[in-house]
N, C-alpha and C. Protein backbone atom coordinates (compact mmCIF):
# COMPACT_ATOMS: atom_id res chain seq x y z
N MET A 1 0.82 -1.19 0.00
CA MET A 1 0.00 0.00 0.00
C MET A 1 0.87 1.26 0.00
N LYS A 2 1.96 1.25 0.80
CA LYS A 2 2.85 2.41 0.85
C LYS A 2 3.48 2.67 -0.52
N LYS A 3 3.83 1.59 -1.24
CA LYS A 3 4.41 1.75 -2.57
C LYS A 3 3.42 2.39 -3.53
N ILE A 4 2.17 1.99 -3.45
CA ILE A 4 1.14 2.55 -4.32
C ILE A 4 0.95 4.04 -4.03
N ILE A 5 0.89 4.39 -2.76
CA ILE A 5 0.73 5.79 -2.37
C ILE A 5 1.95 6.60 -2.83
N GLY A 6 3.14 6.01 -2.67
CA GLY A 6 4.36 6.69 -3.11
C GLY A 6 4.37 6.93 -4.61
N LEU A 7 3.98 5.92 -5.38
CA LEU A 7 3.91 6.07 -6.84
C LEU A 7 2.86 7.10 -7.24
N LEU A 8 1.73 7.09 -6.56
CA LEU A 8 0.68 8.06 -6.84
C LEU A 8 1.19 9.48 -6.56
N ALA A 9 1.90 9.67 -5.46
CA ALA A 9 2.44 10.99 -5.10
C ALA A 9 3.45 11.44 -6.16
N LEU A 10 4.33 10.55 -6.60
CA LEU A 10 5.30 10.90 -7.64
C LEU A 10 4.60 11.27 -8.95
N THR A 11 3.59 10.53 -9.30
CA THR A 11 2.83 10.81 -10.52
C THR A 11 2.21 12.21 -10.46
N ILE A 12 1.64 12.55 -9.34
CA ILE A 12 1.03 13.88 -9.18
C ILE A 12 2.08 14.97 -9.28
N VAL A 13 3.22 14.78 -8.61
CA VAL A 13 4.29 15.78 -8.65
C VAL A 13 4.77 15.98 -10.08
N PHE A 14 5.07 14.90 -10.80
CA PHE A 14 5.58 15.03 -12.15
C PHE A 14 4.53 15.57 -13.11
N SER A 15 3.28 15.22 -12.94
CA SER A 15 2.26 15.74 -13.85
C SER A 15 2.05 17.23 -13.62
N CYS A 16 2.21 17.68 -12.40
CA CYS A 16 2.06 19.11 -12.11
C CYS A 16 3.22 19.92 -12.66
N THR A 17 4.43 19.38 -12.59
CA THR A 17 5.58 20.14 -13.06
C THR A 17 5.67 20.16 -14.57
N ASN A 18 5.00 19.26 -15.26
CA ASN A 18 5.04 19.24 -16.71
C ASN A 18 3.83 19.93 -17.35
N THR A 19 3.03 20.59 -16.54
CA THR A 19 1.89 21.30 -17.08
C THR A 19 2.39 22.44 -17.96
N PRO A 20 1.89 22.52 -19.18
CA PRO A 20 2.36 23.58 -20.07
C PRO A 20 2.02 24.97 -19.51
N LYS A 21 2.96 25.88 -19.64
CA LYS A 21 2.73 27.25 -19.18
C LYS A 21 1.93 27.98 -20.25
N THR A 22 0.92 28.71 -19.82
CA THR A 22 0.11 29.50 -20.76
C THR A 22 0.22 30.99 -20.48
N VAL A 23 0.82 31.34 -19.34
CA VAL A 23 1.05 32.74 -19.00
C VAL A 23 2.46 32.87 -18.41
N PHE A 24 3.01 34.06 -18.53
CA PHE A 24 4.33 34.32 -17.96
C PHE A 24 4.20 34.71 -16.50
N SER A 25 5.21 34.38 -15.73
CA SER A 25 5.24 34.73 -14.31
C SER A 25 5.44 36.24 -14.16
N LYS A 26 5.10 36.74 -12.98
CA LYS A 26 5.32 38.16 -12.68
C LYS A 26 6.81 38.49 -12.78
N GLU A 27 7.66 37.54 -12.39
CA GLU A 27 9.11 37.76 -12.42
C GLU A 27 9.60 38.02 -13.85
N VAL A 28 9.17 37.18 -14.77
CA VAL A 28 9.64 37.37 -16.15
C VAL A 28 9.03 38.63 -16.76
N LEU A 29 7.79 38.92 -16.45
CA LEU A 29 7.15 40.12 -17.01
C LEU A 29 7.84 41.39 -16.56
N SER A 30 8.39 41.39 -15.35
CA SER A 30 9.04 42.60 -14.85
C SER A 30 10.51 42.72 -15.26
N GLU A 31 11.09 41.65 -15.80
CA GLU A 31 12.48 41.70 -16.25
C GLU A 31 12.62 42.69 -17.41
N THR A 32 13.74 43.40 -17.43
CA THR A 32 13.97 44.34 -18.53
C THR A 32 15.01 43.77 -19.50
N LEU A 33 14.85 44.16 -20.74
CA LEU A 33 15.75 43.78 -21.81
C LEU A 33 16.24 45.05 -22.49
N MET A 34 17.36 44.95 -23.17
CA MET A 34 17.89 46.10 -23.89
C MET A 34 17.35 46.09 -25.32
N ALA A 35 16.84 47.22 -25.76
CA ALA A 35 16.41 47.39 -27.15
C ALA A 35 17.63 47.80 -27.97
N VAL A 36 17.51 47.72 -29.28
CA VAL A 36 18.62 48.03 -30.18
C VAL A 36 19.12 49.47 -29.98
N ASN A 37 18.21 50.38 -29.62
CA ASN A 37 18.61 51.78 -29.42
C ASN A 37 19.26 52.02 -28.06
N GLY A 38 19.46 50.97 -27.28
CA GLY A 38 20.15 51.09 -25.99
C GLY A 38 19.25 51.33 -24.80
N THR A 39 17.95 51.51 -25.03
CA THR A 39 17.03 51.73 -23.92
C THR A 39 16.62 50.40 -23.30
N GLN A 40 16.15 50.47 -22.08
CA GLN A 40 15.66 49.28 -21.37
C GLN A 40 14.13 49.23 -21.50
N ILE A 41 13.62 48.02 -21.70
CA ILE A 41 12.17 47.84 -21.82
C ILE A 41 11.77 46.58 -21.06
N ALA A 42 10.71 46.69 -20.28
CA ALA A 42 10.21 45.54 -19.53
C ALA A 42 9.62 44.51 -20.51
N PHE A 43 9.81 43.24 -20.21
CA PHE A 43 9.29 42.19 -21.06
C PHE A 43 7.78 42.32 -21.22
N GLN A 44 7.08 42.73 -20.17
CA GLN A 44 5.63 42.90 -20.26
C GLN A 44 5.27 43.98 -21.28
N ASP A 45 6.10 45.02 -21.41
CA ASP A 45 5.83 46.07 -22.40
C ASP A 45 6.12 45.59 -23.81
N ILE A 46 7.09 44.70 -23.95
CA ILE A 46 7.35 44.09 -25.26
C ILE A 46 6.12 43.28 -25.67
N LEU A 47 5.60 42.47 -24.75
CA LEU A 47 4.43 41.65 -25.06
C LEU A 47 3.20 42.51 -25.37
N LYS A 48 3.03 43.62 -24.66
CA LYS A 48 1.89 44.52 -24.92
C LYS A 48 1.94 45.05 -26.35
N LYS A 49 3.15 45.27 -26.83
CA LYS A 49 3.36 45.77 -28.19
C LYS A 49 2.75 44.81 -29.23
N TYR A 50 2.74 43.53 -28.91
CA TYR A 50 2.28 42.51 -29.84
C TYR A 50 0.83 42.09 -29.61
N LYS A 51 0.17 42.68 -28.64
CA LYS A 51 -1.22 42.29 -28.33
C LYS A 51 -2.06 42.38 -29.60
N GLY A 52 -2.83 41.35 -29.84
CA GLY A 52 -3.67 41.29 -31.05
C GLY A 52 -2.97 40.66 -32.23
N LYS A 53 -1.69 40.27 -32.05
CA LYS A 53 -0.93 39.63 -33.13
C LYS A 53 -0.24 38.40 -32.58
N PRO A 54 -0.20 37.33 -33.35
CA PRO A 54 0.61 36.19 -32.92
C PRO A 54 2.09 36.54 -33.07
N VAL A 55 2.92 36.02 -32.18
CA VAL A 55 4.35 36.33 -32.22
C VAL A 55 5.18 35.08 -31.93
N VAL A 56 6.26 34.96 -32.69
CA VAL A 56 7.25 33.92 -32.45
C VAL A 56 8.47 34.62 -31.85
N ILE A 57 8.93 34.14 -30.72
CA ILE A 57 10.11 34.69 -30.07
C ILE A 57 11.22 33.66 -30.17
N LYS A 58 12.35 34.08 -30.74
CA LYS A 58 13.52 33.21 -30.81
C LYS A 58 14.55 33.73 -29.82
N ILE A 59 14.99 32.87 -28.93
CA ILE A 59 16.04 33.21 -27.98
C ILE A 59 17.31 32.57 -28.52
N TRP A 60 18.34 33.37 -28.67
CA TRP A 60 19.54 32.95 -29.38
C TRP A 60 20.76 33.70 -28.86
N ALA A 61 21.92 33.41 -29.43
CA ALA A 61 23.15 34.16 -29.18
C ALA A 61 24.06 34.00 -30.39
N SER A 62 24.85 35.02 -30.66
CA SER A 62 25.73 34.98 -31.83
C SER A 62 26.85 33.95 -31.68
N TRP A 63 27.16 33.53 -30.45
CA TRP A 63 28.21 32.54 -30.20
C TRP A 63 27.67 31.11 -30.25
N CYS A 64 26.38 30.93 -30.41
CA CYS A 64 25.73 29.62 -30.33
C CYS A 64 25.65 28.97 -31.72
N SER A 65 26.41 27.89 -31.92
CA SER A 65 26.44 27.25 -33.24
C SER A 65 25.08 26.68 -33.63
N ASP A 66 24.32 26.12 -32.68
CA ASP A 66 22.98 25.61 -33.00
C ASP A 66 22.04 26.74 -33.40
N CYS A 67 22.21 27.90 -32.78
CA CYS A 67 21.38 29.06 -33.13
C CYS A 67 21.65 29.50 -34.57
N ILE A 68 22.92 29.53 -34.94
CA ILE A 68 23.32 29.95 -36.28
C ILE A 68 22.84 28.93 -37.31
N LYS A 69 22.99 27.65 -36.98
CA LYS A 69 22.52 26.57 -37.87
C LYS A 69 21.02 26.69 -38.15
N ALA A 70 20.27 27.16 -37.17
CA ALA A 70 18.81 27.23 -37.30
C ALA A 70 18.32 28.52 -37.98
N MET A 71 19.22 29.46 -38.26
CA MET A 71 18.79 30.73 -38.89
C MET A 71 18.02 30.53 -40.20
N PRO A 72 18.48 29.65 -41.10
CA PRO A 72 17.70 29.47 -42.34
C PRO A 72 16.27 28.99 -42.07
N LYS A 73 16.08 28.20 -41.02
CA LYS A 73 14.74 27.69 -40.71
C LYS A 73 13.83 28.81 -40.21
N ILE A 74 14.35 29.73 -39.40
CA ILE A 74 13.51 30.83 -38.92
C ILE A 74 13.19 31.75 -40.10
N LYS A 75 14.14 31.94 -41.00
CA LYS A 75 13.88 32.77 -42.19
C LYS A 75 12.82 32.12 -43.08
N GLU A 76 12.85 30.79 -43.14
CA GLU A 76 11.83 30.06 -43.90
C GLU A 76 10.45 30.24 -43.26
N LEU A 77 10.39 30.17 -41.93
CA LEU A 77 9.12 30.42 -41.23
C LEU A 77 8.62 31.83 -41.51
N GLN A 78 9.53 32.80 -41.48
CA GLN A 78 9.15 34.19 -41.75
C GLN A 78 8.62 34.34 -43.16
N ALA A 79 9.26 33.71 -44.13
CA ALA A 79 8.83 33.81 -45.53
C ALA A 79 7.45 33.18 -45.73
N LYS A 80 7.21 32.04 -45.09
CA LYS A 80 5.93 31.34 -45.23
C LYS A 80 4.81 32.00 -44.44
N ASN A 81 5.17 32.77 -43.40
CA ASN A 81 4.17 33.34 -42.48
C ASN A 81 4.45 34.82 -42.23
N PRO A 82 4.28 35.64 -43.26
CA PRO A 82 4.61 37.06 -43.10
C PRO A 82 3.66 37.83 -42.17
N ASN A 83 2.51 37.26 -41.87
CA ASN A 83 1.55 37.93 -40.99
C ASN A 83 1.82 37.65 -39.50
N ILE A 84 2.85 36.86 -39.22
CA ILE A 84 3.25 36.57 -37.84
C ILE A 84 4.38 37.54 -37.48
N THR A 85 4.36 38.06 -36.27
CA THR A 85 5.42 38.93 -35.79
C THR A 85 6.55 38.08 -35.23
N TYR A 86 7.78 38.52 -35.46
CA TYR A 86 8.95 37.79 -34.99
C TYR A 86 9.79 38.72 -34.12
N ALA A 87 10.21 38.20 -32.98
CA ALA A 87 11.09 38.94 -32.07
C ALA A 87 12.25 38.03 -31.70
N PHE A 88 13.41 38.64 -31.55
CA PHE A 88 14.63 37.91 -31.23
C PHE A 88 15.17 38.44 -29.91
N ILE A 89 15.45 37.54 -29.00
CA ILE A 89 16.05 37.92 -27.72
C ILE A 89 17.41 37.24 -27.63
N SER A 90 18.45 38.07 -27.55
CA SER A 90 19.81 37.56 -27.53
C SER A 90 20.31 37.34 -26.11
N MET A 91 21.11 36.30 -25.98
CA MET A 91 21.79 36.00 -24.73
C MET A 91 23.28 36.31 -24.86
N ASP A 92 23.62 37.16 -25.82
CA ASP A 92 25.02 37.53 -26.00
C ASP A 92 25.58 38.20 -24.75
N LYS A 93 26.89 38.17 -24.65
CA LYS A 93 27.57 38.72 -23.47
C LYS A 93 27.82 40.22 -23.59
N THR A 94 27.93 40.72 -24.84
CA THR A 94 28.16 42.14 -25.03
C THR A 94 27.21 42.70 -26.09
N GLU A 95 26.97 43.99 -25.97
CA GLU A 95 26.11 44.68 -26.93
C GLU A 95 26.71 44.62 -28.34
N ASP A 96 28.03 44.75 -28.45
CA ASP A 96 28.68 44.69 -29.76
C ASP A 96 28.49 43.35 -30.45
N GLN A 97 28.67 42.25 -29.69
CA GLN A 97 28.47 40.92 -30.27
C GLN A 97 27.03 40.76 -30.76
N TRP A 98 26.10 41.22 -29.95
CA TRP A 98 24.68 41.12 -30.29
C TRP A 98 24.37 41.88 -31.57
N LYS A 99 24.78 43.13 -31.64
CA LYS A 99 24.47 43.96 -32.81
C LYS A 99 25.17 43.45 -34.06
N THR A 100 26.38 42.94 -33.90
CA THR A 100 27.08 42.33 -35.04
C THR A 100 26.31 41.12 -35.54
N GLY A 101 25.79 40.32 -34.61
CA GLY A 101 24.99 39.14 -34.98
C GLY A 101 23.71 39.50 -35.71
N ILE A 102 23.04 40.55 -35.26
CA ILE A 102 21.80 41.00 -35.94
C ILE A 102 22.10 41.33 -37.40
N GLU A 103 23.18 42.07 -37.58
CA GLU A 103 23.58 42.49 -38.93
C GLU A 103 24.03 41.29 -39.77
N LYS A 104 24.90 40.49 -39.20
CA LYS A 104 25.49 39.36 -39.92
C LYS A 104 24.43 38.35 -40.38
N TYR A 105 23.43 38.10 -39.53
CA TYR A 105 22.42 37.09 -39.86
C TYR A 105 21.12 37.70 -40.37
N HIS A 106 21.13 39.01 -40.60
CA HIS A 106 19.99 39.73 -41.19
C HIS A 106 18.68 39.40 -40.48
N LEU A 107 18.67 39.62 -39.17
CA LEU A 107 17.49 39.30 -38.38
C LEU A 107 16.40 40.35 -38.58
N VAL A 108 15.33 39.91 -39.19
CA VAL A 108 14.21 40.80 -39.48
C VAL A 108 13.16 40.60 -38.40
N GLY A 109 12.90 41.65 -37.66
CA GLY A 109 11.96 41.60 -36.55
C GLY A 109 12.51 42.48 -35.44
N ASP A 110 11.84 42.51 -34.32
CA ASP A 110 12.32 43.28 -33.18
C ASP A 110 13.43 42.51 -32.49
N ASN A 111 14.44 43.23 -32.06
CA ASN A 111 15.60 42.60 -31.43
C ASN A 111 15.84 43.18 -30.05
N TYR A 112 16.07 42.29 -29.09
CA TYR A 112 16.34 42.67 -27.71
C TYR A 112 17.47 41.80 -27.19
N MET A 113 18.10 42.26 -26.10
CA MET A 113 19.16 41.49 -25.50
C MET A 113 18.94 41.41 -23.99
N ALA A 114 19.07 40.21 -23.45
CA ALA A 114 19.01 40.04 -21.99
C ALA A 114 20.20 40.76 -21.38
N ASN A 115 19.99 41.43 -20.28
CA ASN A 115 21.05 42.22 -19.66
C ASN A 115 22.11 41.39 -18.95
N ASP A 116 21.77 40.15 -18.63
CA ASP A 116 22.69 39.37 -17.81
C ASP A 116 22.94 37.97 -18.36
N GLY A 117 22.80 37.80 -19.65
CA GLY A 117 23.15 36.54 -20.30
C GLY A 117 22.20 35.39 -20.02
N MET A 118 22.59 34.25 -20.51
CA MET A 118 21.75 33.06 -20.48
C MET A 118 21.43 32.58 -19.07
N ASN A 119 22.34 32.74 -18.13
CA ASN A 119 22.11 32.25 -16.77
C ASN A 119 21.64 33.35 -15.83
N GLY A 120 21.26 34.49 -16.38
CA GLY A 120 20.82 35.60 -15.56
C GLY A 120 19.35 35.51 -15.17
N GLU A 121 18.84 36.60 -14.67
CA GLU A 121 17.46 36.63 -14.14
C GLU A 121 16.41 36.34 -15.21
N PHE A 122 16.55 36.91 -16.40
CA PHE A 122 15.57 36.65 -17.45
C PHE A 122 15.59 35.17 -17.83
N GLY A 123 16.79 34.62 -18.03
CA GLY A 123 16.93 33.20 -18.37
C GLY A 123 16.30 32.30 -17.32
N LYS A 124 16.55 32.61 -16.05
CA LYS A 124 15.96 31.82 -14.97
C LYS A 124 14.44 31.94 -14.98
N ALA A 125 13.95 33.15 -15.22
CA ALA A 125 12.51 33.39 -15.17
C ALA A 125 11.75 32.63 -16.26
N ILE A 126 12.42 32.34 -17.39
CA ILE A 126 11.74 31.58 -18.45
C ILE A 126 12.22 30.13 -18.51
N ASP A 127 12.91 29.70 -17.48
CA ASP A 127 13.40 28.31 -17.42
C ASP A 127 14.31 27.98 -18.60
N LEU A 128 15.19 28.89 -18.94
CA LEU A 128 16.06 28.72 -20.10
C LEU A 128 17.14 27.68 -19.80
N ASP A 129 17.14 26.61 -20.59
CA ASP A 129 18.14 25.57 -20.42
C ASP A 129 18.85 25.24 -21.72
N TRP A 130 18.42 25.84 -22.82
CA TRP A 130 19.01 25.53 -24.12
C TRP A 130 18.66 26.65 -25.08
N ILE A 131 19.60 26.96 -25.98
CA ILE A 131 19.28 27.86 -27.08
C ILE A 131 19.76 27.20 -28.36
N PRO A 132 19.11 27.44 -29.47
CA PRO A 132 17.98 28.34 -29.61
C PRO A 132 16.74 27.78 -28.94
N ARG A 133 15.92 28.68 -28.53
CA ARG A 133 14.65 28.34 -27.88
C ARG A 133 13.59 29.20 -28.54
N TYR A 134 12.43 28.63 -28.74
CA TYR A 134 11.33 29.33 -29.40
C TYR A 134 10.10 29.32 -28.50
N LEU A 135 9.43 30.44 -28.49
CA LEU A 135 8.15 30.57 -27.80
C LEU A 135 7.16 31.11 -28.82
N ILE A 136 5.92 30.67 -28.73
CA ILE A 136 4.87 31.21 -29.60
C ILE A 136 3.76 31.73 -28.70
N ILE A 137 3.38 32.97 -28.95
CA ILE A 137 2.32 33.63 -28.19
C ILE A 137 1.18 33.92 -29.17
N ASP A 138 -0.07 33.61 -28.78
CA ASP A 138 -1.17 33.90 -29.68
C ASP A 138 -1.60 35.36 -29.57
N LYS A 139 -2.58 35.76 -30.37
CA LYS A 139 -2.95 37.18 -30.40
C LYS A 139 -3.61 37.68 -29.12
N THR A 140 -4.02 36.76 -28.24
CA THR A 140 -4.59 37.18 -26.95
C THR A 140 -3.51 37.31 -25.88
N GLY A 141 -2.27 36.92 -26.22
CA GLY A 141 -1.18 36.98 -25.25
C GLY A 141 -0.94 35.66 -24.53
N LYS A 142 -1.69 34.63 -24.90
CA LYS A 142 -1.54 33.31 -24.27
C LYS A 142 -0.34 32.59 -24.89
N ILE A 143 0.44 31.94 -24.04
CA ILE A 143 1.58 31.15 -24.52
C ILE A 143 1.04 29.87 -25.14
N ILE A 144 1.34 29.66 -26.40
CA ILE A 144 0.92 28.45 -27.11
C ILE A 144 2.05 27.42 -27.07
N VAL A 145 3.28 27.88 -27.29
CA VAL A 145 4.45 27.02 -27.19
C VAL A 145 5.42 27.71 -26.24
N TYR A 146 5.76 27.03 -25.14
CA TYR A 146 6.64 27.62 -24.14
C TYR A 146 8.09 27.22 -24.35
N ARG A 147 8.31 26.02 -24.83
CA ARG A 147 9.68 25.56 -25.00
C ARG A 147 9.79 24.67 -26.23
N ALA A 148 10.37 25.23 -27.27
CA ALA A 148 10.69 24.45 -28.46
C ALA A 148 12.14 24.75 -28.80
N ILE A 149 12.83 23.76 -29.34
CA ILE A 149 14.22 23.95 -29.74
C ILE A 149 14.34 23.69 -31.23
N GLU A 150 15.57 23.77 -31.77
CA GLU A 150 15.75 23.72 -33.22
C GLU A 150 15.21 22.44 -33.84
N SER A 151 15.16 21.36 -33.12
CA SER A 151 14.66 20.10 -33.69
C SER A 151 13.13 20.07 -33.75
N ASP A 152 12.46 21.09 -33.25
CA ASP A 152 11.00 21.13 -33.21
C ASP A 152 10.38 21.98 -34.32
N PHE A 153 11.11 22.24 -35.41
CA PHE A 153 10.60 23.15 -36.43
C PHE A 153 9.33 22.65 -37.10
N GLU A 154 9.19 21.36 -37.28
CA GLU A 154 7.96 20.83 -37.89
C GLU A 154 6.75 21.19 -37.03
N GLN A 155 6.88 21.00 -35.72
CA GLN A 155 5.79 21.35 -34.80
C GLN A 155 5.57 22.86 -34.75
N LEU A 156 6.65 23.63 -34.77
CA LEU A 156 6.52 25.09 -34.78
C LEU A 156 5.75 25.54 -36.01
N ASN A 157 6.11 25.00 -37.16
CA ASN A 157 5.44 25.37 -38.41
C ASN A 157 3.96 25.02 -38.35
N LYS A 158 3.66 23.84 -37.84
CA LYS A 158 2.26 23.41 -37.72
C LYS A 158 1.48 24.35 -36.79
N THR A 159 2.07 24.70 -35.68
CA THR A 159 1.42 25.59 -34.72
C THR A 159 1.18 26.97 -35.33
N ILE A 160 2.17 27.47 -36.04
CA ILE A 160 2.04 28.78 -36.69
C ILE A 160 0.93 28.73 -37.74
N GLN A 161 0.85 27.65 -38.49
CA GLN A 161 -0.22 27.52 -39.49
C GLN A 161 -1.59 27.57 -38.84
N GLU A 162 -1.71 26.97 -37.66
CA GLU A 162 -2.99 26.98 -36.95
C GLU A 162 -3.36 28.38 -36.45
N LEU A 163 -2.35 29.23 -36.21
CA LEU A 163 -2.61 30.60 -35.76
C LEU A 163 -3.06 31.52 -36.89
N ASN A 164 -2.70 31.15 -38.12
CA ASN A 164 -3.06 31.99 -39.28
C ASN A 164 -4.54 32.00 -39.55
């Protein structure tokens, strides 16, 4: 009986922790990011900007080989889905590296940089464990995809098609 209760408790714990997130925490909403013009903007204000529009957010860094490898796929998504908004959040260590990466990879969309890198407060607030990472937000602001990586492009494309 104790084993059954123990297994039931573990099942409940794991099912609760794997529940998909549909809203951002207060912590992540209050985190600020750097805009290309050097100003700071709260993540909640970035999301407000997109209210009424579906948005794909790519979290990346110019030093990340997987991020660079996936650039053609994000460009393909953009070409196939021009009515979707795209935002890029960099985990670069310096502003110069970030801006060079934007230019080098011709990132079309809004660009922001986390102030404290991949292991900083913003990264922790979104449970960042790998880049590139993709999030999809619907036009109501609900998180549709909270964690997708470069191997999930087929699912990302399907989800974006459903938003159109």
